[in-house]
C-alpha atoms as a PDB file:
ATOM      1  CA  MET A   1      -9.787  16.091 -45.680  1.00  0.00           C
ATOM      2  CA  LEU A   2      -9.647  13.763 -48.687  1.00  0.00           C
ATOM      3  CA  GLN A   3      -9.270  16.528 -50.964  1.00  0.00           C
ATOM      4  CA  TRP A   4      -6.130  17.841 -48.909  1.00  0.00           C
ATOM      5  CA  LEU A   5      -4.483  14.559 -48.732  1.00  0.00           C
ATOM      6  CA  ARG A   6      -5.002  14.294 -52.609  1.00  0.00           C
ATOM      7  CA  GLN A   7      -3.275  17.460 -53.064  1.00  0.00           C
ATOM      8  CA  LEU A   8      -0.649  17.001 -50.668  1.00  0.00           C
ATOM      9  CA  PHE A   9       0.098  13.354 -52.462  1.00  0.00           C
ATOM     10  CA  HIS A  10       0.213  15.033 -56.003  1.00  0.00           C
ATOM     11  CA  ARG A  11       2.267  17.574 -54.797  1.00  0.00           C
ATOM     12  CA  HIS A  12       4.944  15.332 -54.183  1.00  0.00           C
ATOM     13  CA  THR A  13       4.504  12.593 -56.857  1.00  0.00           C
ATOM     14  CA  LEU A  14       5.896  12.729 -60.307  1.00  0.00           C
ATOM     15  CA  VAL A  15       3.908  13.437 -62.959  1.00  0.00           C
ATOM     16  CA  GLN A  16       3.213  10.274 -65.143  1.00  0.00           C
ATOM     17  CA  PRO A  17       2.069   9.930 -68.753  1.00  0.00           C
ATOM     18  CA  GLU A  18      -1.954  10.101 -69.029  1.00  0.00           C
ATOM     19  CA  THR A  19      -3.399   6.748 -69.952  1.00  0.00           C
ATOM     20  CA  PRO A  20      -6.803   6.198 -71.205  1.00  0.00           C
ATOM     21  CA  GLU A  21      -9.250   5.508 -68.195  1.00  0.00           C
ATOM     22  CA  PRO A  22     -12.793   4.028 -68.146  1.00  0.00           C
ATOM     23  CA  PRO A  23     -15.681   6.081 -68.427  1.00  0.00           C
ATOM     24  CA  HIS A  24     -16.964   7.731 -65.129  1.00  0.00           C
ATOM     25  CA  SER A  25     -20.122   6.061 -64.321  1.00  0.00           C
ATOM     26  CA  ALA A  26     -22.756   6.531 -61.389  1.00  0.00           C
ATOM     27  CA  ALA A  27     -26.134   5.287 -60.324  1.00  0.00           C
ATOM     28  CA  GLN A  28     -29.061   4.023 -62.333  1.00  0.00           C
ATOM     29  CA  PRO A  29     -32.887   3.991 -62.719  1.00  0.00           C
ATOM     30  CA  GLU A  30     -34.668   0.926 -60.999  1.00  0.00           C
ATOM     31  CA  PRO A  31     -33.749  -1.651 -60.258  1.00  0.00           C
ATOM     32  CA  GLU A  32     -31.031   1.090 -59.729  1.00  0.00           C
ATOM     33  CA  PRO A  33     -27.827  -0.464 -60.694  1.00  0.00           C
ATOM     34  CA  ALA A  34     -24.752   1.438 -60.398  1.00  0.00           C
ATOM     35  CA  HIS A  35     -22.132   4.084 -59.850  1.00  0.00           C
ATOM     36  CA  ASN A  36     -18.840   4.918 -60.237  1.00  0.00           C
ATOM     37  CA  ALA A  37     -16.041   4.236 -62.697  1.00  0.00           C
ATOM     38  CA  VAL A  38     -12.963   2.409 -62.234  1.00  0.00           C
ATOM     39  CA  GLU A  39     -10.338   4.833 -61.924  1.00  0.00           C
ATOM     40  CA  SER A  40      -7.353   4.536 -59.735  1.00  0.00           C
ATOM     41  CA  ASP A  41      -6.389   7.241 -57.259  1.00  0.00           C
ATOM     42  CA  PRO A  42      -3.224   7.025 -55.558  1.00  0.00           C
ATOM     43  CA  ILE A  43      -4.404   8.317 -52.452  1.00  0.00           C
ATOM     44  CA  ALA A  44      -6.867   5.383 -52.128  1.00  0.00           C
ATOM     45  CA  ALA A  45      -3.794   3.328 -51.096  1.00  0.00           C
ATOM     46  CA  LEU A  46      -3.506   5.281 -47.965  1.00  0.00           C
ATOM     47  CA  MET A  47      -7.039   5.238 -46.929  1.00  0.00           C
ATOM     48  CA  PRO A  48      -8.557   1.859 -45.336  1.00  0.00           C
ATOM     49  CA  PHE A  49     -11.363   0.288 -47.420  1.00  0.00           C
ATOM     50  CA  GLN A  50     -13.635  -2.225 -45.824  1.00  0.00           C
ATOM     51  CA  ILE A  51     -16.200  -4.485 -47.966  1.00  0.00           C
ATOM     52  CA  ARG A  52     -18.722  -6.206 -45.264  1.00  0.00           C
ATOM     53  CA  PRO A  53     -22.137  -7.331 -45.629  1.00  0.00           C
ATOM     54  CA  LEU A  54     -25.133  -5.248 -44.778  1.00  0.00           C
ATOM     55  CA  ASP A  55     -26.176  -4.643 -41.119  1.00  0.00           C
ATOM     56  CA  SER A  56     -29.355  -3.340 -40.231  1.00  0.00           C
ATOM     57  CA  LYS A  57     -28.045   0.067 -38.735  1.00  0.00           C
ATOM     58  CA  ASP A  58     -26.484   0.964 -42.033  1.00  0.00           C
ATOM     59  CA  MET A  59     -29.888   1.392 -43.514  1.00  0.00           C
ATOM     60  CA  ALA A  60     -30.162   5.142 -42.843  1.00  0.00           C
ATOM     61  CA  GLU A  61     -26.795   6.274 -44.361  1.00  0.00           C
ATOM     62  CA  LEU A  62     -27.485   4.016 -47.606  1.00  0.00           C
ATOM     63  CA  LEU A  63     -30.395   6.058 -48.154  1.00  0.00           C
ATOM     64  CA  GLY A  64     -28.385   9.031 -48.203  1.00  0.00           C
ATOM     65  CA  VAL A  65     -25.623   7.232 -50.389  1.00  0.00           C
ATOM     66  CA  PHE A  66     -28.542   6.429 -52.877  1.00  0.00           C
ATOM     67  CA  ARG A  67     -29.899   9.944 -53.343  1.00  0.00           C
ATOM     68  CA  GLU A  68     -26.578  11.735 -53.270  1.00  0.00           C
ATOM     69  CA  ALA A  69     -25.132   9.488 -55.935  1.00  0.00           C
ATOM     70  CA  ILE A  70     -28.160  10.038 -58.296  1.00  0.00           C
ATOM     71  CA  GLN A  71     -28.262  14.024 -57.582  1.00  0.00           C
ATOM     72  CA  VAL A  72     -24.755  14.583 -57.939  1.00  0.00           C
ATOM     73  CA  SER A  73     -23.212  11.737 -60.008  1.00  0.00           C
ATOM     74  CA  ALA A  74     -25.780  11.440 -62.461  1.00  0.00           C
ATOM     75  CA  ALA A  75     -26.320  15.152 -63.041  1.00  0.00           C
ATOM     76  CA  ALA A  76     -24.737  15.064 -66.548  1.00  0.00           C
ATOM     77  CA  GLU A  77     -27.185  12.530 -68.069  1.00  0.00           C
ATOM     78  CA  TYR A  78     -30.196  13.446 -66.104  1.00  0.00           C
ATOM     79  CA  ASP A  79     -32.240  16.727 -65.522  1.00  0.00           C
ATOM     80  CA  GLN A  80     -33.339  17.961 -61.951  1.00  0.00           C
ATOM     81  CA  LYS A  81     -36.868  16.628 -62.664  1.00  0.00           C
ATOM     82  CA  GLN A  82     -35.596  13.175 -63.555  1.00  0.00           C
ATOM     83  CA  ARG A  83     -33.035  13.178 -60.630  1.00  0.00           C
ATOM     84  CA  ASP A  84     -35.836  14.185 -58.093  1.00  0.00           C
ATOM     85  CA  ALA A  85     -38.044  11.593 -59.380  1.00  0.00           C
ATOM     86  CA  TRP A  86     -35.493   8.670 -59.342  1.00  0.00           C
ATOM     87  CA  SER A  87     -33.905   9.713 -56.102  1.00  0.00           C
ATOM     88  CA  GLN A  88     -37.305   9.777 -54.449  1.00  0.00           C
ATOM     89  CA  ALA A  89     -38.334   6.277 -55.637  1.00  0.00           C
ATOM     90  CA  GLN A  90     -36.562   4.800 -52.591  1.00  0.00           C
ATOM     91  CA  SER A  91     -37.821   5.598 -48.821  1.00  0.00           C
ATOM     92  CA  TYR A  92     -36.103   4.148 -45.732  1.00  0.00           C
ATOM     93  CA  ASP A  93     -38.891   1.581 -45.575  1.00  0.00           C
ATOM     94  CA  SER A  94     -38.925   0.432 -48.932  1.00  0.00           C
ATOM     95  CA  LEU A  95     -35.022   0.269 -49.357  1.00  0.00           C
ATOM     96  CA  ILE A  96     -35.259  -2.170 -46.187  1.00  0.00           C
ATOM     97  CA  SER A  97     -37.913  -4.067 -48.353  1.00  0.00           C
ATOM     98  CA  VAL A  98     -35.736  -4.135 -51.654  1.00  0.00           C
ATOM     99  CA  LEU A  99     -32.456  -5.191 -49.635  1.00  0.00           C
ATOM    100  CA  SER A 100     -34.258  -7.779 -47.549  1.00  0.00           C
ATOM    101  CA  GLU A 101     -34.084 -10.409 -50.396  1.00  0.00           C
ATOM    102  CA  GLY A 102     -30.773 -11.130 -52.325  1.00  0.00           C
ATOM    103  CA  ASP A 103     -26.991 -10.234 -51.306  1.00  0.00           C
ATOM    104  CA  THR A 104     -26.076  -6.927 -50.012  1.00  0.00           C
ATOM    105  CA  VAL A 105     -22.702  -5.600 -49.373  1.00  0.00           C
ATOM    106  CA  VAL A 106     -21.473  -2.297 -48.253  1.00  0.00           C
ATOM    107  CA  ALA A 107     -18.303  -0.204 -48.394  1.00  0.00           C
ATOM    108  CA  GLU A 108     -16.658   1.742 -45.862  1.00  0.00           C
ATOM    109  CA  TRP A 109     -14.059   4.135 -46.198  1.00  0.00           C
ATOM    110  CA  ASP A 110     -12.323   5.714 -43.417  1.00  0.00           C
ATOM    111  CA  ASP A 111     -14.891   4.465 -41.006  1.00  0.00           C
ATOM    112  CA  LYS A 112     -17.804   6.038 -43.191  1.00  0.00           C
ATOM    113  CA  LEU A 113     -20.542   3.960 -45.163  1.00  0.00           C
ATOM    114  CA  VAL A 114     -19.831   5.211 -48.664  1.00  0.00           C
ATOM    115  CA  GLY A 115     -21.205   2.488 -50.970  1.00  0.00           C
ATOM    116  CA  PHE A 116     -23.455  -0.281 -51.391  1.00  0.00           C
ATOM    117  CA  ALA A 117     -24.238  -2.843 -54.013  1.00  0.00           C
ATOM    118  CA  HIS A 118     -27.231  -5.448 -54.158  1.00  0.00           C
ATOM    119  CA  ARG A 119     -27.850  -8.642 -56.070  1.00  0.00           C
ATOM    120  CA  ILE A 120     -30.976 -10.806 -56.344  1.00  0.00           C
ATOM    121  CA  ARG A 121     -29.990 -13.899 -57.977  1.00  0.00           C
ATOM    122  CA  ASP A 122     -28.653 -13.265 -61.533  1.00  0.00           C
ATOM    123  CA  TYR A 123     -29.602  -9.573 -61.489  1.00  0.00           C
ATOM    124  CA  ILE A 124     -27.401  -6.718 -60.349  1.00  0.00           C
ATOM    125  CA  ASN A 125     -29.983  -4.425 -58.951  1.00  0.00           C
ATOM    126  CA  MET A 126     -27.944  -1.648 -57.477  1.00  0.00           C
ATOM    127  CA  VAL A 127     -24.445  -0.349 -57.113  1.00  0.00           C
ATOM    128  CA  PHE A 128     -23.993   3.311 -55.524  1.00  0.00           C
ATOM    129  CA  VAL A 129     -21.011   5.194 -54.330  1.00  0.00           C
ATOM    130  CA  HIS A 130     -21.447   8.518 -52.595  1.00  0.00           C
ATOM    131  CA  PRO A 131     -19.962  10.992 -54.945  1.00  0.00           C
ATOM    132  CA  GLU A 132     -17.462  12.480 -52.313  1.00  0.00           C
ATOM    133  CA  ALA A 133     -15.766   8.559 -52.497  1.00  0.00           C
ATOM    134  CA  SER A 134     -16.050   8.412 -56.307  1.00  0.00           C
ATOM    135  CA  ARG A 135     -13.347   7.179 -58.798  1.00  0.00           C
ATOM    136  CA  VAL A 136     -11.303   5.261 -56.507  1.00  0.00           C
ATOM    137  CA  GLY A 137     -12.355   1.972 -57.181  1.00  0.00           C
ATOM    138  CA  ILE A 138     -15.069   1.459 -54.447  1.00  0.00           C
ATOM    139  CA  ALA A 139     -17.707   0.646 -57.167  1.00  0.00           C
ATOM    140  CA  THR A 140     -15.349  -2.115 -58.676  1.00  0.00           C
ATOM    141  CA  LEU A 141     -14.909  -3.804 -55.384  1.00  0.00           C
ATOM    142  CA  LEU A 142     -18.799  -3.800 -54.430  1.00  0.00           C
ATOM    143  CA  TYR A 143     -19.396  -5.301 -58.152  1.00  0.00           C
ATOM    144  CA  GLN A 144     -16.579  -7.808 -57.693  1.00  0.00           C
ATOM    145  CA  HIS A 145     -18.188  -9.016 -54.408  1.00  0.00           C
ATOM    146  CA  LEU A 146     -21.448  -9.844 -55.998  1.00  0.00           C
ATOM    147  CA  GLU A 147     -19.883 -11.452 -59.116  1.00  0.00           C
ATOM    148  CA  ASP A 148     -18.032 -13.781 -57.206  1.00  0.00           C
ATOM    149  CA  GLY A 149     -21.147 -14.880 -55.043  1.00  0.00           C
ATOM    150  CA  ALA A 150     -22.958 -15.460 -58.303  1.00  0.00           C
ATOM    151  CA  ARG A 151     -19.938 -17.575 -59.505  1.00  0.00           C
ATOM    152  CA  ILE A 152     -20.142 -19.553 -56.287  1.00  0.00           C
ATOM    153  CA  GLU A 153     -24.169 -20.172 -56.268  1.00  0.00           C
ATOM    154  CA  GLY A 154     -23.575 -21.671 -59.870  1.00  0.00           C
ATOM    155  CA  ILE A 155     -24.634 -18.600 -61.973  1.00  0.00           C
ATOM    156  CA  THR A 156     -23.545 -18.415 -65.221  1.00  0.00           C
ATOM    157  CA  GLU A 157     -25.066 -15.121 -66.448  1.00  0.00           C
ATOM    158  CA  LEU A 158     -25.610 -11.781 -65.051  1.00  0.00           C
ATOM    159  CA  THR A 159     -28.029  -8.901 -66.146  1.00  0.00           C
ATOM    160  CA  THR A 160     -28.678  -5.384 -65.027  1.00  0.00           C
ATOM    161  CA  HIS A 161     -30.404  -2.437 -66.027  1.00  0.00           C
ATOM    162  CA  ALA A 162     -27.834   0.545 -66.405  1.00  0.00           C
ATOM    163  CA  SER A 163     -28.218   4.234 -66.357  1.00  0.00           C
ATOM    164  CA  LEU A 164     -26.660   6.198 -69.043  1.00  0.00           C
ATOM    165  CA  THR A 165     -24.370   7.219 -66.193  1.00  0.00           C
ATOM    166  CA  ALA A 166     -23.667   3.650 -65.371  1.00  0.00           C
ATOM    167  CA  HIS A 167     -23.399   2.287 -68.792  1.00  0.00           C
ATOM    168  CA  GLY A 168     -19.749   2.889 -69.073  1.00  0.00           C
ATOM    169  CA  PHE A 169     -18.998   1.353 -65.695  1.00  0.00           C
ATOM    170  CA  PHE A 170     -20.768  -1.965 -66.522  1.00  0.00           C
ATOM    171  CA  ALA A 171     -19.286  -1.814 -69.960  1.00  0.00           C
ATOM    172  CA  TYR A 172     -15.733  -1.920 -68.351  1.00  0.00           C
ATOM    173  CA  MET A 173     -16.997  -4.623 -66.095  1.00  0.00           C
ATOM    174  CA  GLY A 174     -17.916  -6.785 -69.075  1.00  0.00           C
ATOM    175  CA  PHE A 175     -21.531  -6.295 -69.516  1.00  0.00           C
ATOM    176  CA  THR A 176     -22.714  -5.795 -73.414  1.00  0.00           C
ATOM    177  CA  SER A 177     -25.635  -3.530 -73.925  1.00  0.00           C
ATOM    178  CA  GLU A 178     -28.780  -5.083 -75.609  1.00  0.00           C
ATOM    179  CA  GLY A 179     -30.366  -1.626 -76.428  1.00  0.00           C
ATOM    180  CA  GLN A 180     -31.663   1.320 -74.710  1.00  0.00           C
ATOM    181  CA  GLU A 181     -35.204   1.430 -72.898  1.00  0.00           C
ATOM    182  CA  GLN A 182     -37.291   3.818 -71.026  1.00  0.00           C
ATOM    183  CA  ALA A 183     -38.214   3.474 -67.204  1.00  0.00           C
ATOM    184  CA  GLU A 184     -40.344   5.654 -65.453  1.00  0.00           C
ATOM    185  CA  ARG A 185     -40.534   7.236 -61.934  1.00  0.00           C
ATOM    186  CA  ASP A 186     -43.474   9.292 -60.768  1.00  0.00           C
ATOM    187  CA  GLY A 187     -44.564   9.589 -64.589  1.00  0.00           C
ATOM    188  CA  ILE A 188     -40.951  10.963 -65.454  1.00  0.00           C
ATOM    189  CA  PRO A 189     -39.193   8.729 -68.161  1.00  0.00           C
ATOM    190  CA  LEU A 190     -35.523   7.820 -67.573  1.00  0.00           C
ATOM    191  CA  THR A 191     -33.373   6.275 -70.387  1.00  0.00           C
ATOM    192  CA  ARG A 192     -31.085   3.122 -69.382  1.00  0.00           C
ATOM    193  CA  HIS A 193     -29.776   0.260 -70.764  1.00  0.00           C
ATOM    194  CA  ALA A 194     -30.559  -3.343 -70.842  1.00  0.00           C
ATOM    195  CA  MET A 195     -27.081  -5.145 -70.262  1.00  0.00           C
ATOM    196  CA  ARG A 196     -26.054  -8.702 -69.914  1.00  0.00           C
ATOM    197  CA  LYS A 197     -22.748 -10.845 -68.948  1.00  0.00           C
ATOM    198  CA  SER A 198     -21.427 -14.224 -69.277  1.00  0.00           C
ATOM    199  CA  LEU A 199     -19.981 -15.869 -66.391  1.00  0.00           C
ATOM    200  CA  VAL A 200     -18.708 -18.871 -68.409  1.00  0.00           C
END
C-alpha cells in the first residue's frame, strides 16, 4: 500500500532538483540506539503519524520492530552473524525490563506501531524504526521527543552509542563522535561510535 501510494504520488508530481540528503541510518548495538535517517518523503504528509508514550500492550510489536530494524536496516554494515547476535540480545522479558526505566515513546503510522525510542536520564538508549516505515522522518520525531524531555529535566548533555548504521543519523541530530569502540553480543564483536551532544 505504502509503495503504491509513493508511486502514485511521484507519477503526478513534478521532478524536483536533487538536494543533498543526510546519510541513512538504522539501529545500533547495545545500549541500542538508533535508526533511520531524516529524509523527507512527500507521501508522509498524507499518512497519519502519532508519537505517544509507551503502553504495556505495545511490547510484542516493539520486539518485532527492534529485530527487523537490525536485520534489514543494518545489513550493509554488519554481517549475518553480527545481526543475529545483536537482534537476539533482547527478548520480550528483557525489553520490558529495559524500557521500564526512563522515558519511552512509540510511533504509530497508519494505526501500526512502527518505531520506538528510549532515554535513561542523559543517555539515548534506543531509537528503532521498522524498515518499511524508514526514511520519512519518524526517527527524527522520536528523537526530538526525547531531547525535549531531557531539556525540560534540565539535562545539559546527551550521550549515546551509535551503530555504524546509526552514526549518520546521530551526526545529523547534532552529536559528535568521540571515536569507535567494540561492543560484544554473544561473543560477536560489533563496532559502534561513542557520541555526545551538548544541549546548552
